[in-house]
C-alpha atoms as a PDB file:
ATOM      1  CA  MET A   1       0.000   0.000   0.000  1.00  0.00           C
ATOM      2  CA  PRO A   2       1.478   3.429  -0.896  1.00  0.00           C
ATOM      3  CA  VAL A   3       2.374   5.612   2.047  1.00  0.00           C
ATOM      4  CA  SER A   4       0.810   9.060   1.904  1.00  0.00           C
ATOM      5  CA  SER A   5       3.071  12.098   1.810  1.00  0.00           C
ATOM      6  CA  ASP A   6       1.437  13.357   5.012  1.00  0.00           C
ATOM      7  CA  ARG A   7       2.223  10.139   6.876  1.00  0.00           C
ATOM      8  CA  ARG A   8       5.768  10.067   5.521  1.00  0.00           C
ATOM      9  CA  ARG A   9       6.305  13.616   6.725  1.00  0.00           C
ATOM     10  CA  LEU A  10       4.973  12.677  10.141  1.00  0.00           C
ATOM     11  CA  LEU A  11       7.159   9.592  10.480  1.00  0.00           C
ATOM     12  CA  LEU A  12      10.304  11.017   8.953  1.00  0.00           C
ATOM     13  CA  GLY A  13      10.112  14.512  10.300  1.00  0.00           C
ATOM     14  CA  GLY A  14      13.619  14.547  11.771  1.00  0.00           C
ATOM     15  CA  ALA A  15      17.135  13.739  10.698  1.00  0.00           C
ATOM     16  CA  ALA A  16      20.728  14.109  11.663  1.00  0.00           C
ATOM     17  CA  LEU A  17      23.029  16.261   9.581  1.00  0.00           C
ATOM     18  CA  GLY A  18      25.904  13.938   9.046  1.00  0.00           C
ATOM     19  CA  THR A  19      29.003  16.044   8.477  1.00  0.00           C
ATOM     20  CA  LEU A  20      31.282  17.523  11.105  1.00  0.00           C
ATOM     21  CA  ALA A  21      29.836  20.925  10.365  1.00  0.00           C
ATOM     22  CA  CYS A  22      26.223  19.721  10.566  1.00  0.00           C
ATOM     23  CA  LEU A  23      25.824  17.283  13.440  1.00  0.00           C
ATOM     24  CA  ARG A  24      22.882  19.043  15.080  1.00  0.00           C
ATOM     25  CA  PRO A  25      19.692  16.977  14.648  1.00  0.00           C
ATOM     26  CA  VAL A  26      16.781  18.492  12.791  1.00  0.00           C
ATOM     27  CA  ARG A  27      13.833  18.281  15.137  1.00  0.00           C
ATOM     28  CA  ALA A  28      10.582  16.687  14.095  1.00  0.00           C
ATOM     29  CA  THR A  29       8.476  18.976  11.941  1.00  0.00           C
ATOM     30  CA  ALA A  30       5.574  18.194   9.661  1.00  0.00           C
ATOM     31  CA  GLU A  31       7.173  20.377   6.974  1.00  0.00           C
ATOM     32  CA  LEU A  32      10.353  18.380   6.425  1.00  0.00           C
ATOM     33  CA  ASP A  33      10.152  16.578   3.100  1.00  0.00           C
ATOM     34  CA  PRO A  34      11.215  12.897   3.080  1.00  0.00           C
ATOM     35  CA  GLU A  35      13.531  13.631   0.175  1.00  0.00           C
ATOM     36  CA  GLU A  36      15.272  16.216   2.319  1.00  0.00           C
ATOM     37  CA  LEU A  37      15.653  13.534   4.995  1.00  0.00           C
ATOM     38  CA  ARG A  38      17.137  11.213   2.399  1.00  0.00           C
ATOM     39  CA  ALA A  39      19.605  13.884   1.343  1.00  0.00           C
ATOM     40  CA  ARG A  40      20.622  14.770   4.891  1.00  0.00           C
ATOM     41  CA  ALA A  41      20.966  11.154   5.973  1.00  0.00           C
ATOM     42  CA  GLY A  42      23.139  10.603   2.925  1.00  0.00           C
ATOM     43  CA  ARG A  43      25.611  13.152   4.245  1.00  0.00           C
ATOM     44  CA  LEU A  44      26.512  10.867   7.126  1.00  0.00           C
ATOM     45  CA  PRO A  45      29.990  10.023   5.873  1.00  0.00           C
ATOM     46  CA  ARG A  46      29.975   6.289   6.598  1.00  0.00           C
ATOM     47  CA  LEU A  47      26.280   5.441   6.150  1.00  0.00           C
ATOM     48  CA  HIS A  48      25.557   2.820   3.504  1.00  0.00           C
ATOM     49  CA  THR A  49      21.866   1.882   3.759  1.00  0.00           C
ATOM     50  CA  LEU A  50      18.924   3.043   5.860  1.00  0.00           C
ATOM     51  CA  ILE A  51      15.595   1.209   5.973  1.00  0.00           C
ATOM     52  CA  VAL A  52      12.640   2.385   8.064  1.00  0.00           C
ATOM     53  CA  SER A  53       9.500   0.295   8.489  1.00  0.00           C
ATOM     54  CA  GLN A  54       6.337   1.201  10.380  1.00  0.00           C
ATOM     55  CA  ASP A  55       3.198  -0.899  10.703  1.00  0.00           C
ATOM     56  CA  GLY A  56       4.848  -3.423   8.394  1.00  0.00           C
ATOM     57  CA  GLU A  57       5.245  -0.917   5.560  1.00  0.00           C
ATOM     58  CA  THR A  58       8.608   0.164   4.197  1.00  0.00           C
ATOM     59  CA  VAL A  59       8.486   3.907   4.664  1.00  0.00           C
ATOM     60  CA  LEU A  60      12.036   4.559   3.490  1.00  0.00           C
ATOM     61  CA  GLU A  61      14.709   2.414   1.869  1.00  0.00           C
ATOM     62  CA  ALA A  62      17.762   4.326   0.737  1.00  0.00           C
ATOM     63  CA  THR A  63      21.231   3.120  -0.200  1.00  0.00           C
ATOM     64  CA  PHE A  64      23.682   6.014  -0.288  1.00  0.00           C
ATOM     65  CA  ARG A  65      26.906   4.119  -0.870  1.00  0.00           C
ATOM     66  CA  GLY A  66      28.202   0.589  -0.551  1.00  0.00           C
ATOM     67  CA  PRO A  67      26.433  -2.597  -1.703  1.00  0.00           C
ATOM     68  CA  PRO A  68      22.728  -2.679  -2.644  1.00  0.00           C
ATOM     69  CA  ALA A  69      20.166  -3.334   0.079  1.00  0.00           C
ATOM     70  CA  ASP A  70      19.619  -6.968  -0.923  1.00  0.00           C
ATOM     71  CA  ARG A  71      23.299  -7.968  -0.705  1.00  0.00           C
ATOM     72  CA  PRO A  72      24.611  -9.609   2.498  1.00  0.00           C
ATOM     73  CA  VAL A  73      27.186  -7.434   4.247  1.00  0.00           C
ATOM     74  CA  ASN A  74      29.272  -7.679   7.396  1.00  0.00           C
ATOM     75  CA  ILE A  75      27.019  -6.693  10.303  1.00  0.00           C
ATOM     76  CA  LYS A  76      29.895  -6.951  12.815  1.00  0.00           C
ATOM     77  CA  SER A  77      28.664  -7.240  16.427  1.00  0.00           C
ATOM     78  CA  LEU A  78      25.021  -6.877  15.460  1.00  0.00           C
ATOM     79  CA  ALA A  79      25.574 -10.612  15.020  1.00  0.00           C
ATOM     80  CA  LYS A  80      25.407 -10.904  18.820  1.00  0.00           C
ATOM     81  CA  THR A  81      21.720 -10.005  18.670  1.00  0.00           C
ATOM     82  CA  VAL A  82      21.121 -12.616  15.981  1.00  0.00           C
ATOM     83  CA  LEU A  83      23.122 -15.247  17.863  1.00  0.00           C
ATOM     84  CA  ALA A  84      21.092 -14.638  21.040  1.00  0.00           C
ATOM     85  CA  THR A  85      17.981 -15.462  19.014  1.00  0.00           C
ATOM     86  CA  LEU A  86      19.575 -18.717  17.819  1.00  0.00           C
ATOM     87  CA  VAL A  87      20.146 -19.619  21.473  1.00  0.00           C
ATOM     88  CA  GLY A  88      16.450 -18.910  22.075  1.00  0.00           C
ATOM     89  CA  CYS A  89      15.557 -21.226  19.192  1.00  0.00           C
ATOM     90  CA  ALA A  90      17.648 -23.972  20.818  1.00  0.00           C
ATOM     91  CA  VAL A  91      15.930 -23.431  24.166  1.00  0.00           C
ATOM     92  CA  ASP A  92      12.505 -23.514  22.504  1.00  0.00           C
ATOM     93  CA  ARG A  93      13.408 -26.872  20.956  1.00  0.00           C
ATOM     94  CA  GLY A  94      14.626 -28.343  24.238  1.00  0.00           C
ATOM     95  CA  ILE A  95      18.182 -28.623  22.909  1.00  0.00           C
ATOM     96  CA  LEU A  96      19.449 -26.347  25.671  1.00  0.00           C
ATOM     97  CA  ASP A  97      17.942 -26.255  29.146  1.00  0.00           C
ATOM     98  CA  GLY A  98      17.707 -22.480  29.327  1.00  0.00           C
ATOM     99  CA  PRO A  99      19.612 -19.435  30.547  1.00  0.00           C
ATOM    100  CA  ASP A 100      20.362 -20.993  33.958  1.00  0.00           C
ATOM    101  CA  GLN A 101      22.197 -23.985  32.470  1.00  0.00           C
ATOM    102  CA  PRO A 102      25.898 -24.009  33.479  1.00  0.00           C
ATOM    103  CA  ILE A 103      28.175 -23.710  30.482  1.00  0.00           C
ATOM    104  CA  THR A 104      30.231 -26.657  31.717  1.00  0.00           C
ATOM    105  CA  THR A 105      27.317 -29.025  31.073  1.00  0.00           C
ATOM    106  CA  ALA A 106      26.749 -27.551  27.627  1.00  0.00           C
ATOM    107  CA  LEU A 107      30.349 -27.455  26.395  1.00  0.00           C
ATOM    108  CA  GLY A 108      31.262 -31.015  27.345  1.00  0.00           C
ATOM    109  CA  PRO A 109      34.510 -32.090  25.648  1.00  0.00           C
ATOM    110  CA  LEU A 110      35.195 -28.517  24.500  1.00  0.00           C
ATOM    111  CA  LEU A 111      36.223 -27.625  28.063  1.00  0.00           C
ATOM    112  CA  PRO A 112      39.993 -27.389  28.588  1.00  0.00           C
ATOM    113  CA  ALA A 113      41.526 -30.205  30.646  1.00  0.00           C
ATOM    114  CA  ASP A 114      42.749 -27.644  33.162  1.00  0.00           C
ATOM    115  CA  ALA A 115      39.516 -25.624  33.231  1.00  0.00           C
ATOM    116  CA  SER A 116      38.914 -23.505  36.304  1.00  0.00           C
ATOM    117  CA  PRO A 117      36.299 -24.998  38.658  1.00  0.00           C
ATOM    118  CA  ARG A 118      34.738 -21.541  38.712  1.00  0.00           C
ATOM    119  CA  LEU A 119      33.499 -22.042  35.148  1.00  0.00           C
ATOM    120  CA  ALA A 120      30.722 -24.168  36.673  1.00  0.00           C
ATOM    121  CA  GLU A 121      29.326 -20.904  38.089  1.00  0.00           C
ATOM    122  CA  VAL A 122      28.961 -19.374  34.631  1.00  0.00           C
ATOM    123  CA  THR A 123      25.610 -19.879  32.924  1.00  0.00           C
ATOM    124  CA  ILE A 124      24.401 -19.577  29.361  1.00  0.00           C
ATOM    125  CA  GLY A 125      22.484 -16.507  30.523  1.00  0.00           C
ATOM    126  CA  ASN A 126      25.739 -14.973  31.797  1.00  0.00           C
ATOM    127  CA  LEU A 127      27.265 -15.352  28.349  1.00  0.00           C
ATOM    128  CA  LEU A 128      24.187 -13.823  26.714  1.00  0.00           C
ATOM    129  CA  SER A 129      24.222 -10.783  29.020  1.00  0.00           C
ATOM    130  CA  MET A 130      28.019 -10.343  28.987  1.00  0.00           C
ATOM    131  CA  GLN A 131      28.260 -11.138  32.696  1.00  0.00           C
ATOM    132  CA  ALA A 132      30.544 -14.176  32.574  1.00  0.00           C
ATOM    133  CA  GLY A 133      33.147 -12.457  34.750  1.00  0.00           C
ATOM    134  CA  LEU A 134      35.987 -13.634  32.499  1.00  0.00           C
ATOM    135  CA  GLU A 135      38.586 -11.235  31.138  1.00  0.00           C
ATOM    136  CA  ARG A 136      37.317  -9.696  27.906  1.00  0.00           C
ATOM    137  CA  THR A 137      38.475 -10.834  24.480  1.00  0.00           C
ATOM    138  CA  SER A 138      37.197  -7.650  22.815  1.00  0.00           C
ATOM    139  CA  GLY A 139      38.918  -4.293  22.548  1.00  0.00           C
ATOM    140  CA  ALA A 140      42.670  -4.459  23.040  1.00  0.00           C
ATOM    141  CA  ASN A 141      42.499  -8.228  23.623  1.00  0.00           C
ATOM    142  CA  TYR A 142      40.685  -9.093  20.394  1.00  0.00           C
ATOM    143  CA  GLY A 143      43.727  -9.452  18.122  1.00  0.00           C
ATOM    144  CA  GLY A 144      45.541 -11.828  20.457  1.00  0.00           C
ATOM    145  CA  TRP A 145      42.406 -13.897  20.950  1.00  0.00           C
ATOM    146  CA  VAL A 146      41.704 -14.451  17.224  1.00  0.00           C
ATOM    147  CA  SER A 147      45.417 -15.172  16.694  1.00  0.00           C
ATOM    148  CA  SER A 148      45.292 -18.031  19.209  1.00  0.00           C
ATOM    149  CA  ARG A 149      45.178 -21.672  18.130  1.00  0.00           C
ATOM    150  CA  ASN A 150      41.914 -22.416  19.940  1.00  0.00           C
ATOM    151  CA  TRP A 151      39.483 -19.557  20.495  1.00  0.00           C
ATOM    152  CA  VAL A 152      37.179 -21.544  22.783  1.00  0.00           C
ATOM    153  CA  GLN A 153      39.929 -22.699  25.120  1.00  0.00           C
ATOM    154  CA  ASN A 154      41.573 -19.269  25.057  1.00  0.00           C
ATOM    155  CA  ALA A 155      38.329 -17.583  26.134  1.00  0.00           C
ATOM    156  CA  LEU A 156      37.696 -20.189  28.841  1.00  0.00           C
ATOM    157  CA  SER A 157      41.250 -19.980  30.172  1.00  0.00           C
ATOM    158  CA  ARG A 158      41.161 -16.261  30.828  1.00  0.00           C
ATOM    159  CA  PRO A 159      41.193 -15.131  34.449  1.00  0.00           C
ATOM    160  CA  PHE A 160      38.063 -14.116  36.298  1.00  0.00           C
ATOM    161  CA  VAL A 161      38.116 -10.347  36.725  1.00  0.00           C
ATOM    162  CA  ALA A 162      34.585 -10.147  38.181  1.00  0.00           C
ATOM    163  CA  GLU A 163      31.997 -12.442  39.702  1.00  0.00           C
ATOM    164  CA  PRO A 164      29.765 -14.350  37.259  1.00  0.00           C
ATOM    165  CA  GLY A 165      26.533 -12.401  37.051  1.00  0.00           C
ATOM    166  CA  GLY A 166      28.378  -9.188  37.978  1.00  0.00           C
ATOM    167  CA  PRO A 167      29.119  -6.154  35.794  1.00  0.00           C
ATOM    168  CA  MET A 168      28.826  -6.142  32.017  1.00  0.00           C
ATOM    169  CA  LEU A 169      32.122  -7.133  30.377  1.00  0.00           C
ATOM    170  CA  TYR A 170      31.467  -6.818  26.647  1.00  0.00           C
ATOM    171  CA  SER A 171      33.350  -9.725  25.056  1.00  0.00           C
ATOM    172  CA  THR A 172      33.053 -11.428  21.696  1.00  0.00           C
ATOM    173  CA  GLY A 173      34.627 -14.453  23.371  1.00  0.00           C
ATOM    174  CA  SER A 174      31.447 -14.902  25.401  1.00  0.00           C
ATOM    175  CA  SER A 175      29.364 -14.893  22.218  1.00  0.00           C
ATOM    176  CA  HIS A 176      31.785 -17.302  20.560  1.00  0.00           C
ATOM    177  CA  LEU A 177      31.304 -19.707  23.457  1.00  0.00           C
ATOM    178  CA  LEU A 178      27.579 -19.620  22.674  1.00  0.00           C
ATOM    179  CA  SER A 179      28.348 -20.566  19.064  1.00  0.00           C
ATOM    180  CA  ALA A 180      30.483 -23.431  20.352  1.00  0.00           C
ATOM    181  CA  ILE A 181      27.681 -24.535  22.683  1.00  0.00           C
ATOM    182  CA  LEU A 182      25.168 -24.544  19.821  1.00  0.00           C
ATOM    183  CA  THR A 183      27.576 -26.595  17.688  1.00  0.00           C
ATOM    184  CA  GLN A 184      28.263 -29.072  20.490  1.00  0.00           C
ATOM    185  CA  ALA A 185      24.597 -29.458  21.442  1.00  0.00           C
ATOM    186  CA  THR A 186      23.234 -29.944  17.926  1.00  0.00           C
ATOM    187  CA  GLY A 187      26.076 -31.519  15.941  1.00  0.00           C
ATOM    188  CA  GLN A 188      25.466 -28.827  13.322  1.00  0.00           C
ATOM    189  CA  THR A 189      27.420 -25.688  12.540  1.00  0.00           C
ATOM    190  CA  THR A 190      26.103 -22.336  13.665  1.00  0.00           C
ATOM    191  CA  HIS A 191      25.800 -21.418   9.985  1.00  0.00           C
ATOM    192  CA  GLN A 192      23.587 -24.446   9.342  1.00  0.00           C
ATOM    193  CA  LEU A 193      21.409 -23.506  12.320  1.00  0.00           C
ATOM    194  CA  ALA A 194      21.201 -19.879  11.191  1.00  0.00           C
ATOM    195  CA  ASN A 195      19.973 -21.015   7.799  1.00  0.00           C
ATOM    196  CA  GLU A 196      17.514 -23.607   9.118  1.00  0.00           C
ATOM    197  CA  TRP A 197      16.113 -21.575  12.008  1.00  0.00           C
ATOM    198  CA  LEU A 198      16.311 -18.028  10.638  1.00  0.00           C
ATOM    199  CA  ALA A 199      17.126 -17.663   6.951  1.00  0.00           C
ATOM    200  CA  GLU A 200      14.659 -20.216   5.592  1.00  0.00           C
ATOM    201  CA  PRO A 201      11.563 -19.122   7.551  1.00  0.00           C
ATOM    202  CA  LEU A 202      12.381 -15.438   6.998  1.00  0.00           C
ATOM    203  CA  ASN A 203      13.254 -15.933   3.309  1.00  0.00           C
ATOM    204  CA  ILE A 204      16.619 -14.203   3.687  1.00  0.00           C
ATOM    205  CA  GLN A 205      20.231 -15.131   2.965  1.00  0.00           C
ATOM    206  CA  ILE A 206      22.922 -15.799   5.558  1.00  0.00           C
ATOM    207  CA  PRO A 207      26.110 -16.851   3.726  1.00  0.00           C
ATOM    208  CA  PRO A 208      29.023 -18.535   5.535  1.00  0.00           C
ATOM    209  CA  TRP A 209      31.246 -16.235   7.604  1.00  0.00           C
ATOM    210  CA  ASP A 210      34.480 -16.575   9.601  1.00  0.00           C
ATOM    211  CA  ARG A 211      35.366 -19.736  11.551  1.00  0.00           C
ATOM    212  CA  ASP A 212      37.866 -20.433  14.292  1.00  0.00           C
ATOM    213  CA  PRO A 213      40.769 -22.894  13.790  1.00  0.00           C
ATOM    214  CA  GLN A 214      38.514 -25.774  14.937  1.00  0.00           C
ATOM    215  CA  GLY A 215      35.839 -24.870  12.365  1.00  0.00           C
ATOM    216  CA  ILE A 216      33.372 -23.264  14.789  1.00  0.00           C
ATOM    217  CA  TYR A 217      31.672 -20.234  13.267  1.00  0.00           C
ATOM    218  CA  LEU A 218      32.654 -16.981  14.936  1.00  0.00           C
ATOM    219  CA  GLY A 219      29.957 -16.141  17.443  1.00  0.00           C
ATOM    220  CA  GLY A 220      28.977 -12.520  17.657  1.00  0.00           C
ATOM    221  CA  ASN A 221      31.003 -10.930  14.867  1.00  0.00           C
ATOM    222  CA  ASN A 222      31.394 -10.788  11.078  1.00  0.00           C
ATOM    223  CA  MET A 223      28.075 -12.476  10.259  1.00  0.00           C
ATOM    224  CA  LEU A 224      26.759 -11.601   6.788  1.00  0.00           C
ATOM    225  CA  LEU A 225      23.217 -10.281   6.415  1.00  0.00           C
ATOM    226  CA  SER A 226      21.712  -7.817   3.953  1.00  0.00           C
ATOM    227  CA  PRO A 227      19.988  -4.625   5.170  1.00  0.00           C
ATOM    228  CA  ARG A 228      16.712  -6.112   3.957  1.00  0.00           C
ATOM    229  CA  GLY A 229      17.546  -9.255   5.913  1.00  0.00           C
ATOM    230  CA  VAL A 230      18.196  -7.164   9.003  1.00  0.00           C
ATOM    231  CA  ILE A 231      14.852  -5.386   8.699  1.00  0.00           C
ATOM    232  CA  ARG A 232      12.994  -8.702   8.243  1.00  0.00           C
ATOM    233  CA  PHE A 233      14.745 -10.131  11.276  1.00  0.00           C
ATOM    234  CA  GLY A 234      13.749  -7.011  13.239  1.00  0.00           C
ATOM    235  CA  GLU A 235      10.167  -7.210  12.044  1.00  0.00           C
ATOM    236  CA  MET A 236      10.010 -10.835  13.149  1.00  0.00           C
ATOM    237  CA  ILE A 237      11.180  -9.791  16.601  1.00  0.00           C
ATOM    238  CA  ARG A 238       8.674  -6.925  16.684  1.00  0.00           C
ATOM    239  CA  HIS A 239       5.874  -9.349  15.811  1.00  0.00           C
ATOM    240  CA  GLY A 240       6.718 -11.547  18.778  1.00  0.00           C
ATOM    241  CA  GLY A 241       8.830 -14.170  17.036  1.00  0.00           C
ATOM    242  CA  SER A 242       6.942 -14.821  13.803  1.00  0.00           C
ATOM    243  CA  LEU A 243       6.614 -13.218  10.391  1.00  0.00           C
ATOM    244  CA  ASP A 244       4.361 -13.969   7.434  1.00  0.00           C
ATOM    245  CA  GLY A 245       2.989 -17.022   9.214  1.00  0.00           C
ATOM    246  CA  ALA A 246       6.387 -18.552   9.994  1.00  0.00           C
ATOM    247  CA  VAL A 247       7.218 -18.968  13.683  1.00  0.00           C
ATOM    248  CA  VAL A 248      10.939 -18.450  14.310  1.00  0.00           C
ATOM    249  CA  VAL A 249      11.298 -18.068  18.072  1.00  0.00           C
ATOM    250  CA  SER A 250       8.862 -17.930  20.969  1.00  0.00           C
ATOM    251  CA  SER A 251       7.496 -14.659  22.249  1.00  0.00           C
ATOM    252  CA  ASP A 252       8.543 -15.850  25.720  1.00  0.00           C
ATOM    253  CA  TRP A 253      12.173 -15.820  24.608  1.00  0.00           C
ATOM    254  CA  ILE A 254      11.881 -12.282  23.271  1.00  0.00           C
ATOM    255  CA  THR A 255      10.326 -11.157  26.548  1.00  0.00           C
ATOM    256  CA  THR A 256      13.170 -12.842  28.421  1.00  0.00           C
ATOM    257  CA  SER A 257      15.766 -11.277  26.127  1.00  0.00           C
ATOM    258  CA  TRP A 258      14.322  -7.814  26.733  1.00  0.00           C
ATOM    259  CA  GLN A 259      14.583  -8.007  30.511  1.00  0.00           C
ATOM    260  CA  PRO A 260      17.417  -5.696  31.644  1.00  0.00           C
ATOM    261  CA  ARG A 261      20.165  -7.551  33.497  1.00  0.00           C
ATOM    262  CA  THR A 262      23.102  -5.160  33.400  1.00  0.00           C
ATOM    263  CA  ALA A 263      24.142  -1.900  31.752  1.00  0.00           C
ATOM    264  CA  SER A 264      26.798  -0.574  29.421  1.00  0.00           C
ATOM    265  CA  ARG A 265      29.608   1.287  31.175  1.00  0.00           C
ATOM    266  CA  TRP A 266      29.913   3.569  28.117  1.00  0.00           C
ATOM    267  CA  THR A 267      26.302   4.566  27.393  1.00  0.00           C
ATOM    268  CA  GLY A 268      24.497   3.580  30.583  1.00  0.00           C
ATOM    269  CA  HIS A 269      21.922   1.795  28.436  1.00  0.00           C
ATOM    270  CA  ARG A 270      20.542  -1.414  29.886  1.00  0.00           C
ATOM    271  CA  TYR A 271      21.387  -4.779  28.366  1.00  0.00           C
ATOM    272  CA  GLY A 272      19.498  -8.064  28.255  1.00  0.00           C
ATOM    273  CA  TYR A 273      20.257 -11.101  26.136  1.00  0.00           C
ATOM    274  CA  GLY A 274      21.901  -9.618  23.052  1.00  0.00           C
ATOM    275  CA  TRP A 275      19.802  -6.429  23.154  1.00  0.00           C
ATOM    276  CA  PHE A 276      20.542  -2.970  24.455  1.00  0.00           C
ATOM    277  CA  MET A 277      17.537  -1.021  25.658  1.00  0.00           C
ATOM    278  CA  THR A 278      16.635   2.535  26.475  1.00  0.00           C
ATOM    279  CA  GLU A 279      13.620   4.837  26.270  1.00  0.00           C
ATOM    280  CA  THR A 280      13.045   7.266  23.424  1.00  0.00           C
ATOM    281  CA  ALA A 281      10.116   9.672  23.162  1.00  0.00           C
ATOM    282  CA  GLY A 282       8.446   7.818  26.041  1.00  0.00           C
ATOM    283  CA  HIS A 283       8.642   4.435  24.312  1.00  0.00           C
ATOM    284  CA  GLN A 284      10.731   1.377  25.143  1.00  0.00           C
ATOM    285  CA  HIS A 285      13.445   1.105  22.525  1.00  0.00           C
ATOM    286  CA  TYR A 286      15.489  -2.068  21.900  1.00  0.00           C
ATOM    287  CA  TYR A 287      18.556  -2.242  19.701  1.00  0.00           C
ATOM    288  CA  GLY A 288      21.640  -4.134  18.622  1.00  0.00           C
ATOM    289  CA  TRP A 289      24.691  -2.571  17.072  1.00  0.00           C
ATOM    290  CA  GLY A 290      28.071  -3.402  15.596  1.00  0.00           C
ATOM    291  CA  TYR A 291      31.429  -1.807  14.859  1.00  0.00           C
ATOM    292  CA  GLY A 292      31.345   0.949  12.269  1.00  0.00           C
ATOM    293  CA  GLY A 293      27.621   1.643  12.675  1.00  0.00           C
ATOM    294  CA  GLN A 294      25.619  -1.509  11.894  1.00  0.00           C
ATOM    295  CA  MET A 295      22.279  -1.147  13.695  1.00  0.00           C
ATOM    296  CA  LEU A 296      18.875  -2.670  14.269  1.00  0.00           C
ATOM    297  CA  HIS A 297      16.312  -0.698  16.294  1.00  0.00           C
ATOM    298  CA  VAL A 298      12.905  -1.999  17.353  1.00  0.00           C
ATOM    299  CA  VAL A 299      10.323   0.241  19.031  1.00  0.00           C
ATOM    300  CA  PRO A 300       7.279  -2.006  19.589  1.00  0.00           C
ATOM    301  CA  GLY A 301       5.001   0.733  20.900  1.00  0.00           C
ATOM    302  CA  LEU A 302       5.334   2.597  17.603  1.00  0.00           C
ATOM    303  CA  ALA A 303       5.377  -0.521  15.376  1.00  0.00           C
ATOM    304  CA  LEU A 304       8.707   0.859  14.203  1.00  0.00           C
ATOM    305  CA  THR A 305      11.804  -0.978  12.963  1.00  0.00           C
ATOM    306  CA  ILE A 306      14.979   0.666  11.671  1.00  0.00           C
ATOM    307  CA  ALA A 307      17.955  -1.023   9.983  1.00  0.00           C
ATOM    308  CA  VAL A 308      21.254   0.745   9.340  1.00  0.00           C
ATOM    309  CA  THR A 309      24.428  -0.490   7.671  1.00  0.00           C
ATOM    310  CA  SER A 310      27.645   1.500   7.451  1.00  0.00           C
ATOM    311  CA  ASP A 311      31.258   1.112   6.418  1.00  0.00           C
ATOM    312  CA  PRO A 312      32.361  -1.870   8.567  1.00  0.00           C
ATOM    313  CA  ASN A 313      36.048  -0.992   8.364  1.00  0.00           C
ATOM    314  CA  VAL A 314      36.051   2.374  10.148  1.00  0.00           C
ATOM    315  CA  ARG A 315      35.305   3.054  13.803  1.00  0.00           C
ATOM    316  CA  SER A 316      31.831   4.524  14.126  1.00  0.00           C
ATOM    317  CA  ARG A 317      33.217   7.418  16.143  1.00  0.00           C
ATOM    318  CA  GLU A 318      35.211   8.586  13.123  1.00  0.00           C
ATOM    319  CA  GLU A 319      33.941  11.936  11.825  1.00  0.00           C
ATOM    320  CA  GLY A 320      31.146  11.853  14.408  1.00  0.00           C
ATOM    321  CA  HIS A 321      29.403   8.996  12.637  1.00  0.00           C
ATOM    322  CA  MET A 322      27.975   7.405  15.779  1.00  0.00           C
ATOM    323  CA  ALA A 323      26.668  10.735  17.038  1.00  0.00           C
ATOM    324  CA  GLY A 324      25.056  11.325  13.663  1.00  0.00           C
ATOM    325  CA  LEU A 325      23.460   7.881  13.599  1.00  0.00           C
ATOM    326  CA  ARG A 326      22.101   8.227  17.122  1.00  0.00           C
ATOM    327  CA  ALA A 327      20.580  11.593  16.285  1.00  0.00           C
ATOM    328  CA  LEU A 328      19.113  10.223  13.061  1.00  0.00           C
ATOM    329  CA  VAL A 329      17.471   7.295  14.849  1.00  0.00           C
ATOM    330  CA  ALA A 330      16.285   9.395  17.802  1.00  0.00           C
ATOM    331  CA  ASP A 331      14.674  11.957  15.509  1.00  0.00           C
ATOM    332  CA  THR A 332      12.963   9.245  13.499  1.00  0.00           C
ATOM    333  CA  VAL A 333      11.546   7.684  16.657  1.00  0.00           C
ATOM    334  CA  GLU A 334      10.430  11.079  17.981  1.00  0.00           C
ATOM    335  CA  ALA A 335       8.730  11.874  14.688  1.00  0.00           C
ATOM    336  CA  ALA A 336       6.974   8.490  14.685  1.00  0.00           C
ATOM    337  CA  ALA A 337       5.741   9.253  18.184  1.00  0.00           C
ATOM    338  CA  GLY A 338       4.214  12.478  16.910  1.00  0.00           C
END
């Protein structure tokens, strides 16, 4: 169904000006033309594609640079949000016991021979919420971790720097352990599960991505998904786990994933199982994001879903890109809220 110009102006009444000289957001106004929004969003120096959907209708799809919107691209750590959903699919199927299951019972022979007894205190839920307590493998530690001969054992052998269930320690190693757990529990690769449980029912493509030296697909980074695939995944989440008649994951899992369990030390935003959460324009706002500015935003109260892909090879803080993206998304949500 075509979207009226009045409705488009209402929904897309705000934007971020994406250059260093123009980072102030344009506040929601009924007079702002959607084409002006498209032009201003296109000035964000690293932005590739922006898709906005409300009430199941694509209100805006614009590719400014980079691959077309139907081509799978590197979504970086937005993969953590997708991986958390795969864990939910495994729980729904009875393959995993649930978030309270100790990782030691799920990893089995993948545990190092000299594993710390304290690993028995770490649960699948702790990995999902980045509360394992183990030293991080992200940030300055990432290069050494992916250069190791065994990523699973390297992550498990790191010292405890906090109590399990304590503060958020953002770590791709924790997500990779979830990929290893899925592989161990099912006898299938994480890529096979992603295709069977997500890509096929959603009618999207998820090509193979990076693997560790043992052949386990990298959990929580470098997954390939097109912007249109991201928006369909987000719409499925917004609809409570199903889309176009296909049930992907239970609504109970989504509710569980959206329960705040910790918070980011950088933004203060709450974090659940693979989802950050905040409040925008008086509405609960859930999102995942990855290096460089790969984003999925879901605002259920406004029936709003936003997908963003950016240059995956440049830090999102370069040239104020993250500030511009946040302003762009916030203005879009505020405009949708009227």
